[in-house]
Each structure stands twice: as C-alpha cells, then as structure tokens.
Amino acid sequence: WLAMMLIRLAENEADRTGRQMRRDLRQLEVGIHETRSGEVWQSNRPTA
C-alpha cells in the first residue's frame, strides 16, 4: 500500500506516469572505477 501511495504521489507531483518516470530514471547510471586507492563510484550526467 505504501509503495502504491508513493507512486501515485510522485505521478501527481511530476504529472507523469510511473512508466514515464521509470523510463527517465533508467538513464541514471553509476560506474565503479577501480584505482590503486580503492573504488570510485561516479554517476553519469543527468539528462534534461
């Protein structure tokens, strides 16, 4: 029920469907780069 409410609230606030938001959010990615000092976690630049 909480998941359903969060989706509906986000849909109403963003004026987009859950599918549209999911499609947009799939563009966000995180790359993990190994260095001598350890791992660097870097996200890509967000789209408009």
All heavy atoms as atom14 arrays in JSON, in Angstrom:
{
  "sequence": "WLAMMLIRLAENEADRTGRQMRRDLRQLEVGIHETRSGEVWQSNRPTA",
  "atom14_mask": [
    [1, 1, 1, 1, 1, 1, 1, 1, 1, 1, 1, 1, 1, 1],
    [1, 1, 1, 1, 1, 1, 1, 1, 0, 0, 0, 0, 0, 0],
    [1, 1, 1, 1, 1, 0, 0, 0, 0, 0, 0, 0, 0, 0],
    [1, 1, 1, 1, 1, 1, 1, 1, 0, 0, 0, 0, 0, 0],
    [1, 1, 1, 1, 1, 1, 1, 1, 0, 0, 0, 0, 0, 0],
    [1, 1, 1, 1, 1, 1, 1, 1, 0, 0, 0, 0, 0, 0],
    [1, 1, 1, 1, 1, 1, 1, 1, 0, 0, 0, 0, 0, 0],
    [1, 1, 1, 1, 1, 1, 1, 1, 1, 1, 1, 0, 0, 0],
    [1, 1, 1, 1, 1, 1, 1, 1, 0, 0, 0, 0, 0, 0],
    [1, 1, 1, 1, 1, 0, 0, 0, 0, 0, 0, 0, 0, 0],
    [1, 1, 1, 1, 1, 1, 1, 1, 1, 0, 0, 0, 0, 0],
    [1, 1, 1, 1, 1, 1, 1, 1, 0, 0, 0, 0, 0, 0],
    [1, 1, 1, 1, 1, 1, 1, 1, 1, 0, 0, 0, 0, 0],
    [1, 1, 1, 1, 1, 0, 0, 0, 0, 0, 0, 0, 0, 0],
    [1, 1, 1, 1, 1, 1, 1, 1, 0, 0, 0, 0, 0, 0],
    [1, 1, 1, 1, 1, 1, 1, 1, 1, 1, 1, 0, 0, 0],
    [1, 1, 1, 1, 1, 1, 1, 0, 0, 0, 0, 0, 0, 0],
    [1, 1, 1, 1, 0, 0, 0, 0, 0, 0, 0, 0, 0, 0],
    [1, 1, 1, 1, 1, 1, 1, 1, 1, 1, 1, 0, 0, 0],
    [1, 1, 1, 1, 1, 1, 1, 1, 1, 0, 0, 0, 0, 0],
    [1, 1, 1, 1, 1, 1, 1, 1, 0, 0, 0, 0, 0, 0],
    [1, 1, 1, 1, 1, 1, 1, 1, 1, 1, 1, 0, 0, 0],
    [1, 1, 1, 1, 1, 1, 1, 1, 1, 1, 1, 0, 0, 0],
    [1, 1, 1, 1, 1, 1, 1, 1, 0, 0, 0, 0, 0, 0],
    [1, 1, 1, 1, 1, 1, 1, 1, 0, 0, 0, 0, 0, 0],
    [1, 1, 1, 1, 1, 1, 1, 1, 1, 1, 1, 0, 0, 0],
    [1, 1, 1, 1, 1, 1, 1, 1, 1, 0, 0, 0, 0, 0],
    [1, 1, 1, 1, 1, 1, 1, 1, 0, 0, 0, 0, 0, 0],
    [1, 1, 1, 1, 1, 1, 1, 1, 1, 0, 0, 0, 0, 0],
    [1, 1, 1, 1, 1, 1, 1, 0, 0, 0, 0, 0, 0, 0],
    [1, 1, 1, 1, 0, 0, 0, 0, 0, 0, 0, 0, 0, 0],
    [1, 1, 1, 1, 1, 1, 1, 1, 0, 0, 0, 0, 0, 0],
    [1, 1, 1, 1, 1, 1, 1, 1, 1, 1, 0, 0, 0, 0],
    [1, 1, 1, 1, 1, 1, 1, 1, 1, 0, 0, 0, 0, 0],
    [1, 1, 1, 1, 1, 1, 1, 0, 0, 0, 0, 0, 0, 0],
    [1, 1, 1, 1, 1, 1, 1, 1, 1, 1, 1, 0, 0, 0],
    [1, 1, 1, 1, 1, 1, 0, 0, 0, 0, 0, 0, 0, 0],
    [1, 1, 1, 1, 0, 0, 0, 0, 0, 0, 0, 0, 0, 0],
    [1, 1, 1, 1, 1, 1, 1, 1, 1, 0, 0, 0, 0, 0],
    [1, 1, 1, 1, 1, 1, 1, 0, 0, 0, 0, 0, 0, 0],
    [1, 1, 1, 1, 1, 1, 1, 1, 1, 1, 1, 1, 1, 1],
    [1, 1, 1, 1, 1, 1, 1, 1, 1, 0, 0, 0, 0, 0],
    [1, 1, 1, 1, 1, 1, 0, 0, 0, 0, 0, 0, 0, 0],
    [1, 1, 1, 1, 1, 1, 1, 1, 0, 0, 0, 0, 0, 0],
    [1, 1, 1, 1, 1, 1, 1, 1, 1, 1, 1, 0, 0, 0],
    [1, 1, 1, 1, 1, 1, 1, 0, 0, 0, 0, 0, 0, 0],
    [1, 1, 1, 1, 1, 1, 1, 0, 0, 0, 0, 0, 0, 0],
    [1, 1, 1, 1, 1, 0, 0, 0, 0, 0, 0, 0, 0, 0]
  ],
  "atom14_positions": [
    [[0.83, -1.2, 0.0], [0.0, 0.0, 0.0], [0.87, 1.26, 0.0], [0.62, 2.2, -0.73], [-0.93, -0.02, 1.22], [-1.82, 1.17, 1.3], [-2.97, 1.39, 0.61], [-1.62, 2.32, 2.13], [-3.5, 2.61, 0.96], [-2.68, 3.2, 1.89], [-0.63, 2.68, 3.05], [-2.8, 4.42, 2.54], [-0.75, 3.9, 3.7], [-1.83, 4.74, 3.43]],
    [[1.94, 1.26, 0.81], [2.85, 2.41, 0.84], [3.52, 2.62, -0.51], [3.67, 3.75, -0.98], [3.9, 2.23, 1.94], [3.42, 2.42, 3.37], [4.51, 2.03, 4.35], [2.97, 3.85, 3.6], [0.0, 0.0, 0.0], [0.0, 0.0, 0.0], [0.0, 0.0, 0.0], [0.0, 0.0, 0.0], [0.0, 0.0, 0.0], [0.0, 0.0, 0.0]],
    [[3.94, 1.53, -1.14], [4.56, 1.64, -2.47], [3.57, 2.24, -3.46], [3.93, 3.12, -4.26], [5.04, 0.27, -2.94], [0.0, 0.0, 0.0], [0.0, 0.0, 0.0], [0.0, 0.0, 0.0], [0.0, 0.0, 0.0], [0.0, 0.0, 0.0], [0.0, 0.0, 0.0], [0.0, 0.0, 0.0], [0.0, 0.0, 0.0], [0.0, 0.0, 0.0]],
    [[2.33, 1.79, -3.41], [1.31, 2.3, -4.32], [1.08, 3.79, -4.06], [0.99, 4.59, -5.0], [0.01, 1.53, -4.12], [-1.13, 2.01, -4.98], [-2.64, 1.05, -4.74], [-3.09, 1.53, -3.09], [0.0, 0.0, 0.0], [0.0, 0.0, 0.0], [0.0, 0.0, 0.0], [0.0, 0.0, 0.0], [0.0, 0.0, 0.0], [0.0, 0.0, 0.0]],
    [[1.03, 4.19, -2.8], [0.81, 5.59, -2.47], [1.98, 6.46, -2.93], [1.77, 7.55, -3.47], [0.6, 5.76, -0.96], [-0.71, 5.19, -0.46], [-2.16, 5.93, -1.25], [-2.02, 7.61, -0.69], [0.0, 0.0, 0.0], [0.0, 0.0, 0.0], [0.0, 0.0, 0.0], [0.0, 0.0, 0.0], [0.0, 0.0, 0.0], [0.0, 0.0, 0.0]],
    [[3.2, 5.99, -2.75], [4.37, 6.75, -3.19], [4.37, 6.94, -4.7], [4.68, 8.03, -5.2], [5.66, 6.07, -2.74], [5.98, 6.19, -1.26], [7.18, 5.33, -0.91], [6.24, 7.65, -0.89], [0.0, 0.0, 0.0], [0.0, 0.0, 0.0], [0.0, 0.0, 0.0], [0.0, 0.0, 0.0], [0.0, 0.0, 0.0], [0.0, 0.0, 0.0]],
    [[4.01, 5.9, -5.42], [3.94, 6.01, -6.88], [2.89, 7.02, -7.28], [3.13, 7.9, -8.12], [3.66, 4.64, -7.52], [4.86, 3.72, -7.35], [3.32, 4.79, -9.0], [4.58, 2.27, -7.72], [0.0, 0.0, 0.0], [0.0, 0.0, 0.0], [0.0, 0.0, 0.0], [0.0, 0.0, 0.0], [0.0, 0.0, 0.0], [0.0, 0.0, 0.0]],
    [[1.7, 6.94, -6.68], [0.62, 7.86, -7.03], [0.98, 9.3, -6.67], [0.71, 10.23, -7.43], [-0.68, 7.45, -6.34], [-1.28, 6.16, -6.85], [-1.7, 6.23, -8.31], [-2.8, 7.16, -8.45], [-3.0, 7.94, -9.49], [-2.19, 7.9, -10.51], [-4.02, 8.76, -9.54], [0.0, 0.0, 0.0], [0.0, 0.0, 0.0], [0.0, 0.0, 0.0]],
    [[1.61, 9.51, -5.51], [2.03, 10.86, -5.13], [3.06, 11.41, -6.12], [2.97, 12.56, -6.54], [2.61, 10.86, -3.71], [1.61, 10.71, -2.58], [2.32, 10.48, -1.26], [0.71, 11.93, -2.49], [0.0, 0.0, 0.0], [0.0, 0.0, 0.0], [0.0, 0.0, 0.0], [0.0, 0.0, 0.0], [0.0, 0.0, 0.0], [0.0, 0.0, 0.0]],
    [[4.02, 10.58, -6.49], [5.03, 11.01, -7.45], [4.4, 11.31, -8.81], [4.75, 12.3, -9.47], [6.13, 9.95, -7.59], [0.0, 0.0, 0.0], [0.0, 0.0, 0.0], [0.0, 0.0, 0.0], [0.0, 0.0, 0.0], [0.0, 0.0, 0.0], [0.0, 0.0, 0.0], [0.0, 0.0, 0.0], [0.0, 0.0, 0.0], [0.0, 0.0, 0.0]],
    [[3.46, 10.48, -9.24], [2.77, 10.72, -10.51], [2.03, 12.05, -10.48], [2.09, 12.82, -11.44], [1.78, 9.59, -10.81], [2.42, 8.3, -11.23], [1.41, 7.19, -11.44], [0.3, 7.23, -10.86], [1.74, 6.26, -12.19], [0.0, 0.0, 0.0], [0.0, 0.0, 0.0], [0.0, 0.0, 0.0], [0.0, 0.0, 0.0], [0.0, 0.0, 0.0]],
    [[1.35, 12.33, -9.39], [0.6, 13.58, -9.28], [1.53, 14.79, -9.23], [1.25, 15.81, -9.85], [-0.32, 13.56, -8.06], [-1.47, 12.6, -8.23], [-1.86, 12.26, -9.34], [-2.01, 12.13, -7.12], [0.0, 0.0, 0.0], [0.0, 0.0, 0.0], [0.0, 0.0, 0.0], [0.0, 0.0, 0.0], [0.0, 0.0, 0.0], [0.0, 0.0, 0.0]],
    [[2.62, 14.7, -8.48], [3.56, 15.81, -8.36], [4.29, 16.09, -9.68], [4.47, 17.24, -10.06], [4.6, 15.54, -7.27], [4.06, 15.68, -5.87], [3.66, 17.11, -5.54], [4.42, 18.03, -5.83], [2.56, 17.28, -4.97], [0.0, 0.0, 0.0], [0.0, 0.0, 0.0], [0.0, 0.0, 0.0], [0.0, 0.0, 0.0], [0.0, 0.0, 0.0]],
    [[4.72, 15.03, -10.35], [5.52, 15.19, -11.57], [4.66, 15.29, -12.82], [5.18, 15.59, -13.9], [6.49, 14.02, -11.7], [0.0, 0.0, 0.0], [0.0, 0.0, 0.0], [0.0, 0.0, 0.0], [0.0, 0.0, 0.0], [0.0, 0.0, 0.0], [0.0, 0.0, 0.0], [0.0, 0.0, 0.0], [0.0, 0.0, 0.0], [0.0, 0.0, 0.0]],
    [[3.37, 14.99, -12.69], [2.46, 14.98, -13.84], [2.97, 14.03, -14.93], [2.96, 14.34, -16.12], [2.27, 16.39, -14.4], [1.04, 16.48, -15.3], [0.08, 15.71, -15.08], [1.05, 17.31, -16.24], [0.0, 0.0, 0.0], [0.0, 0.0, 0.0], [0.0, 0.0, 0.0], [0.0, 0.0, 0.0], [0.0, 0.0, 0.0], [0.0, 0.0, 0.0]],
    [[3.45, 12.87, -14.47], [3.93, 11.81, -15.36], [3.45, 10.48, -14.82], [3.2, 10.34, -13.63], [5.47, 11.78, -15.41], [6.09, 13.04, -15.91], [7.59, 12.94, -15.88], [8.16, 14.27, -16.11], [9.43, 14.52, -16.14], [10.3, 13.56, -15.94], [9.87, 15.73, -16.34], [0.0, 0.0, 0.0], [0.0, 0.0, 0.0], [0.0, 0.0, 0.0]],
    [[3.38, 9.49, -15.69], [3.01, 8.16, -15.23], [4.22, 7.47, -14.61], [5.37, 7.89, -14.82], [2.49, 7.28, -16.38], [3.57, 7.03, -17.29], [1.32, 7.93, -17.1], [0.0, 0.0, 0.0], [0.0, 0.0, 0.0], [0.0, 0.0, 0.0], [0.0, 0.0, 0.0], [0.0, 0.0, 0.0], [0.0, 0.0, 0.0], [0.0, 0.0, 0.0]],
    [[3.96, 6.43, -13.86], [5.05, 5.66, -13.28], [5.98, 5.1, -14.34], [7.19, 5.06, -14.16], [0.0, 0.0, 0.0], [0.0, 0.0, 0.0], [0.0, 0.0, 0.0], [0.0, 0.0, 0.0], [0.0, 0.0, 0.0], [0.0, 0.0, 0.0], [0.0, 0.0, 0.0], [0.0, 0.0, 0.0], [0.0, 0.0, 0.0], [0.0, 0.0, 0.0]],
    [[5.42, 4.69, -15.46], [6.24, 4.15, -16.55], [7.16, 5.22, -17.13], [8.32, 4.95, -17.45], [5.35, 3.58, -17.64], [4.7, 2.28, -17.24], [4.0, 1.62, -18.42], [3.16, 0.57, -17.92], [1.84, 0.61, -17.89], [1.19, 1.65, -18.37], [1.15, -0.38, -17.4], [0.0, 0.0, 0.0], [0.0, 0.0, 0.0], [0.0, 0.0, 0.0]],
    [[6.63, 6.44, -17.29], [7.45, 7.52, -17.82], [8.6, 7.85, -16.86], [9.74, 8.05, -17.29], [6.6, 8.78, -18.05], [5.63, 8.64, -19.2], [4.62, 9.78, -19.23], [4.28, 10.36, -18.2], [4.14, 10.09, -20.43], [0.0, 0.0, 0.0], [0.0, 0.0, 0.0], [0.0, 0.0, 0.0], [0.0, 0.0, 0.0], [0.0, 0.0, 0.0]],
    [[8.29, 7.89, -15.56], [9.33, 8.18, -14.58], [10.38, 7.07, -14.56], [11.58, 7.35, -14.49], [8.71, 8.35, -13.19], [7.92, 9.62, -13.06], [7.34, 9.94, -11.38], [6.03, 8.73, -11.22], [0.0, 0.0, 0.0], [0.0, 0.0, 0.0], [0.0, 0.0, 0.0], [0.0, 0.0, 0.0], [0.0, 0.0, 0.0], [0.0, 0.0, 0.0]],
    [[9.93, 5.84, -14.66], [10.87, 4.72, -14.67], [11.78, 4.78, -15.89], [12.99, 4.59, -15.79], [10.1, 3.4, -14.66], [10.99, 2.19, -14.56], [10.16, 0.94, -14.53], [11.0, -0.22, -14.33], [10.59, -1.46, -14.39], [9.31, -1.71, -14.61], [11.4, -2.46, -14.22], [0.0, 0.0, 0.0], [0.0, 0.0, 0.0], [0.0, 0.0, 0.0]],
    [[11.21, 5.11, -17.05], [12.0, 5.25, -18.27], [13.06, 6.33, -18.11], [14.22, 6.15, -18.47], [11.09, 5.57, -19.45], [11.81, 5.68, -20.78], [11.0, 6.36, -21.85], [10.73, 7.74, -21.42], [9.56, 8.34, -21.55], [8.52, 7.71, -22.05], [9.39, 9.59, -21.14], [0.0, 0.0, 0.0], [0.0, 0.0, 0.0], [0.0, 0.0, 0.0]],
    [[12.65, 7.46, -17.54], [13.6, 8.56, -17.34], [14.69, 8.18, -16.34], [15.87, 8.46, -16.56], [12.87, 9.82, -16.86], [11.97, 10.41, -17.94], [12.14, 10.05, -19.12], [11.11, 11.23, -17.58], [0.0, 0.0, 0.0], [0.0, 0.0, 0.0], [0.0, 0.0, 0.0], [0.0, 0.0, 0.0], [0.0, 0.0, 0.0], [0.0, 0.0, 0.0]],
    [[14.3, 7.54, -15.24], [15.28, 7.2, -14.21], [16.25, 6.12, -14.64], [17.36, 6.03, -14.09], [14.55, 6.78, -12.93], [13.84, 7.92, -12.2], [13.04, 7.38, -11.02], [14.83, 8.97, -11.73], [0.0, 0.0, 0.0], [0.0, 0.0, 0.0], [0.0, 0.0, 0.0], [0.0, 0.0, 0.0], [0.0, 0.0, 0.0], [0.0, 0.0, 0.0]],
    [[15.87, 5.31, -15.62], [16.8, 4.29, -16.13], [18.03, 4.91, -16.78], [19.04, 4.25, -16.95], [16.1, 3.38, -17.14], [15.27, 2.34, -16.5], [14.76, 1.38, -17.53], [14.06, 0.29, -16.88], [13.34, -0.59, -17.51], [13.21, -0.53, -18.81], [12.74, -1.55, -16.85], [0.0, 0.0, 0.0], [0.0, 0.0, 0.0], [0.0, 0.0, 0.0]],
    [[17.92, 6.2, -17.12], [19.06, 6.89, -17.74], [20.15, 7.2, -16.72], [21.29, 7.43, -17.09], [18.58, 8.18, -18.41], [17.58, 7.93, -19.51], [17.0, 9.22, -20.03], [17.67, 10.24, -20.12], [15.72, 9.19, -20.4], [0.0, 0.0, 0.0], [0.0, 0.0, 0.0], [0.0, 0.0, 0.0], [0.0, 0.0, 0.0], [0.0, 0.0, 0.0]],
    [[19.79, 7.22, -15.43], [20.78, 7.46, -14.38], [21.57, 6.18, -14.15], [21.0, 5.13, -13.89], [20.09, 7.84, -13.08], [19.97, 9.31, -12.75], [19.31, 9.49, -11.39], [21.26, 10.05, -12.82], [0.0, 0.0, 0.0], [0.0, 0.0, 0.0], [0.0, 0.0, 0.0], [0.0, 0.0, 0.0], [0.0, 0.0, 0.0], [0.0, 0.0, 0.0]],
    [[22.87, 6.29, -14.23], [23.72, 5.12, -14.03], [24.89, 5.48, -13.13], [25.27, 6.64, -13.04], [24.24, 4.61, -15.37], [23.16, 4.11, -16.3], [23.7, 3.68, -17.65], [24.81, 4.14, -18.02], [23.03, 2.9, -18.31], [0.0, 0.0, 0.0], [0.0, 0.0, 0.0], [0.0, 0.0, 0.0], [0.0, 0.0, 0.0], [0.0, 0.0, 0.0]],
    [[25.45, 4.47, -12.5], [26.63, 4.65, -11.66], [27.72, 3.72, -12.18], [27.49, 2.53, -12.39], [26.33, 4.34, -10.17], [27.6, 4.37, -9.34], [25.31, 5.31, -9.63], [0.0, 0.0, 0.0], [0.0, 0.0, 0.0], [0.0, 0.0, 0.0], [0.0, 0.0, 0.0], [0.0, 0.0, 0.0], [0.0, 0.0, 0.0], [0.0, 0.0, 0.0]],
    [[28.89, 4.29, -12.41], [30.04, 3.5, -12.82], [30.99, 3.33, -11.65], [31.16, 4.26, -10.85], [0.0, 0.0, 0.0], [0.0, 0.0, 0.0], [0.0, 0.0, 0.0], [0.0, 0.0, 0.0], [0.0, 0.0, 0.0], [0.0, 0.0, 0.0], [0.0, 0.0, 0.0], [0.0, 0.0, 0.0], [0.0, 0.0, 0.0], [0.0, 0.0, 0.0]],
    [[31.56, 2.17, -11.53], [32.54, 1.9, -10.47], [33.9, 1.75, -11.12], [34.09, 0.89, -11.98], [32.16, 0.64, -9.67], [30.77, 0.8, -9.07], [33.2, 0.37, -8.58], [30.24, -0.45, -8.42], [0.0, 0.0, 0.0], [0.0, 0.0, 0.0], [0.0, 0.0, 0.0], [0.0, 0.0, 0.0], [0.0, 0.0, 0.0], [0.0, 0.0, 0.0]],
    [[34.82, 2.61, -10.72], [36.16, 2.61, -11.31], [37.16, 2.16, -10.26], [37.21, 2.69, -9.16], [36.53, 4.02, -11.8], [35.46, 4.64, -12.65], [35.26, 4.29, -13.96], [34.54, 5.59, -12.36], [34.25, 5.0, -14.45], [33.79, 5.79, -13.5], [0.0, 0.0, 0.0], [0.0, 0.0, 0.0], [0.0, 0.0, 0.0], [0.0, 0.0, 0.0]],
    [[37.96, 1.17, -10.61], [38.99, 0.66, -9.71], [40.24, 1.52, -9.84], [40.72, 1.78, -10.95], [39.35, -0.79, -10.06], [38.26, -1.79, -9.75], [38.12, -2.06, -8.27], [39.07, -1.85, -7.5], [37.02, -2.47, -7.87], [0.0, 0.0, 0.0], [0.0, 0.0, 0.0], [0.0, 0.0, 0.0], [0.0, 0.0, 0.0], [0.0, 0.0, 0.0]],
    [[40.75, 1.99, -8.71], [42.02, 2.73, -8.69], [42.93, 2.06, -7.67], [42.51, 1.16, -6.94], [41.79, 4.2, -8.29], [41.39, 4.25, -6.92], [40.75, 4.88, -9.17], [0.0, 0.0, 0.0], [0.0, 0.0, 0.0], [0.0, 0.0, 0.0], [0.0, 0.0, 0.0], [0.0, 0.0, 0.0], [0.0, 0.0, 0.0], [0.0, 0.0, 0.0]],
    [[44.16, 2.53, -7.61], [45.08, 1.96, -6.63], [44.63, 2.25, -5.2], [44.91, 1.5, -4.28], [46.5, 2.5, -6.84], [47.18, 1.87, -8.02], [48.57, 2.38, -8.11], [48.5, 3.74, -8.7], [49.4, 4.25, -9.49], [50.49, 3.58, -9.77], [49.25, 5.44, -9.99], [0.0, 0.0, 0.0], [0.0, 0.0, 0.0], [0.0, 0.0, 0.0]],
    [[43.92, 3.35, -5.02], [43.47, 3.73, -3.68], [42.14, 3.09, -3.29], [41.73, 3.16, -2.15], [43.32, 5.24, -3.59], [44.54, 5.86, -3.86], [0.0, 0.0, 0.0], [0.0, 0.0, 0.0], [0.0, 0.0, 0.0], [0.0, 0.0, 0.0], [0.0, 0.0, 0.0], [0.0, 0.0, 0.0], [0.0, 0.0, 0.0], [0.0, 0.0, 0.0]],
    [[41.43, 2.53, -4.26], [40.13, 1.92, -3.98], [39.15, 2.23, -5.1], [39.52, 2.65, -6.18], [0.0, 0.0, 0.0], [0.0, 0.0, 0.0], [0.0, 0.0, 0.0], [0.0, 0.0, 0.0], [0.0, 0.0, 0.0], [0.0, 0.0, 0.0], [0.0, 0.0, 0.0], [0.0, 0.0, 0.0], [0.0, 0.0, 0.0], [0.0, 0.0, 0.0]],
    [[37.88, 2.02, -4.82], [36.84, 2.21, -5.83], [36.32, 3.65, -5.82], [36.11, 4.23, -4.76], [35.66, 1.27, -5.57], [35.97, -0.18, -5.77], [34.78, -1.07, -5.48], [33.82, -0.6, -4.82], [34.79, -2.22, -5.91], [0.0, 0.0, 0.0], [0.0, 0.0, 0.0], [0.0, 0.0, 0.0], [0.0, 0.0, 0.0], [0.0, 0.0, 0.0]],
    [[36.09, 4.17, -7.02], [35.45, 5.47, -7.18], [34.09, 5.21, -7.82], [34.01, 4.59, -8.88], [36.29, 6.41, -8.09], [35.54, 7.71, -8.34], [37.65, 6.67, -7.46], [0.0, 0.0, 0.0], [0.0, 0.0, 0.0], [0.0, 0.0, 0.0], [0.0, 0.0, 0.0], [0.0, 0.0, 0.0], [0.0, 0.0, 0.0], [0.0, 0.0, 0.0]],
    [[33.03, 5.65, -7.16], [31.68, 5.49, -7.68], [31.25, 6.83, -8.26], [31.2, 7.83, -7.55], [30.72, 5.08, -6.58], [30.92, 3.68, -6.07], [32.11, 3.03, -5.89], [29.91, 2.78, -5.67], [31.89, 1.78, -5.4], [30.53, 1.59, -5.25], [28.53, 2.85, -5.6], [29.84, 0.5, -4.78], [27.83, 1.76, -5.13], [28.49, 0.59, -4.74]],
    [[30.94, 6.83, -9.56], [30.6, 8.07, -10.25], [29.33, 7.89, -11.06], [29.17, 6.94, -11.8], [31.76, 8.46, -11.19], [31.53, 9.71, -11.97], [32.67, 10.03, -12.91], [33.61, 9.23, -13.04], [32.61, 11.15, -13.56], [0.0, 0.0, 0.0], [0.0, 0.0, 0.0], [0.0, 0.0, 0.0], [0.0, 0.0, 0.0], [0.0, 0.0, 0.0]],
    [[28.4, 8.85, -10.9], [27.17, 8.8, -11.69], [27.36, 9.55, -12.99], [28.22, 10.43, -13.09], [26.0, 9.4, -10.9], [26.2, 10.78, -10.68], [0.0, 0.0, 0.0], [0.0, 0.0, 0.0], [0.0, 0.0, 0.0], [0.0, 0.0, 0.0], [0.0, 0.0, 0.0], [0.0, 0.0, 0.0], [0.0, 0.0, 0.0], [0.0, 0.0, 0.0]],
    [[26.57, 9.19, -13.99], [26.63, 9.91, -15.25], [25.91, 11.25, -15.11], [25.21, 11.49, -14.14], [26.04, 9.08, -16.4], [24.58, 8.76, -16.19], [24.07, 8.78, -15.09], [23.9, 8.46, -17.28], [0.0, 0.0, 0.0], [0.0, 0.0, 0.0], [0.0, 0.0, 0.0], [0.0, 0.0, 0.0], [0.0, 0.0, 0.0], [0.0, 0.0, 0.0]],
    [[26.1, 12.12, -16.08], [25.41, 13.41, -16.04], [23.93, 13.18, -16.33], [23.58, 12.5, -17.29], [26.01, 14.35, -17.07], [27.37, 14.87, -16.66], [27.82, 16.0, -17.57], [29.0, 16.64, -17.04], [30.22, 16.14, -17.08], [30.43, 14.96, -17.63], [31.24, 16.8, -16.58], [0.0, 0.0, 0.0], [0.0, 0.0, 0.0], [0.0, 0.0, 0.0]],
    [[23.07, 13.78, -15.51], [21.63, 13.57, -15.73], [21.14, 14.27, -16.99], [21.62, 15.34, -17.35], [20.98, 14.18, -14.48], [22.0, 15.12, -13.93], [23.34, 14.59, -14.34], [0.0, 0.0, 0.0], [0.0, 0.0, 0.0], [0.0, 0.0, 0.0], [0.0, 0.0, 0.0], [0.0, 0.0, 0.0], [0.0, 0.0, 0.0], [0.0, 0.0, 0.0]],
    [[20.19, 13.65, -17.65], [19.58, 14.25, -18.83], [18.58, 15.32, -18.39], [18.25, 15.43, -17.21], [18.83, 13.19, -19.65], [17.78, 12.65, -18.83], [19.76, 12.07, -20.11], [0.0, 0.0, 0.0], [0.0, 0.0, 0.0], [0.0, 0.0, 0.0], [0.0, 0.0, 0.0], [0.0, 0.0, 0.0], [0.0, 0.0, 0.0], [0.0, 0.0, 0.0]],
    [[18.09, 16.09, -19.33], [17.11, 17.13, -19.03], [15.84, 16.51, -18.43], [15.22, 17.09, -17.53], [16.78, 17.92, -20.29], [0.0, 0.0, 0.0], [0.0, 0.0, 0.0], [0.0, 0.0, 0.0], [0.0, 0.0, 0.0], [0.0, 0.0, 0.0], [0.0, 0.0, 0.0], [0.0, 0.0, 0.0], [0.0, 0.0, 0.0], [0.0, 0.0, 0.0]]
  ]
}
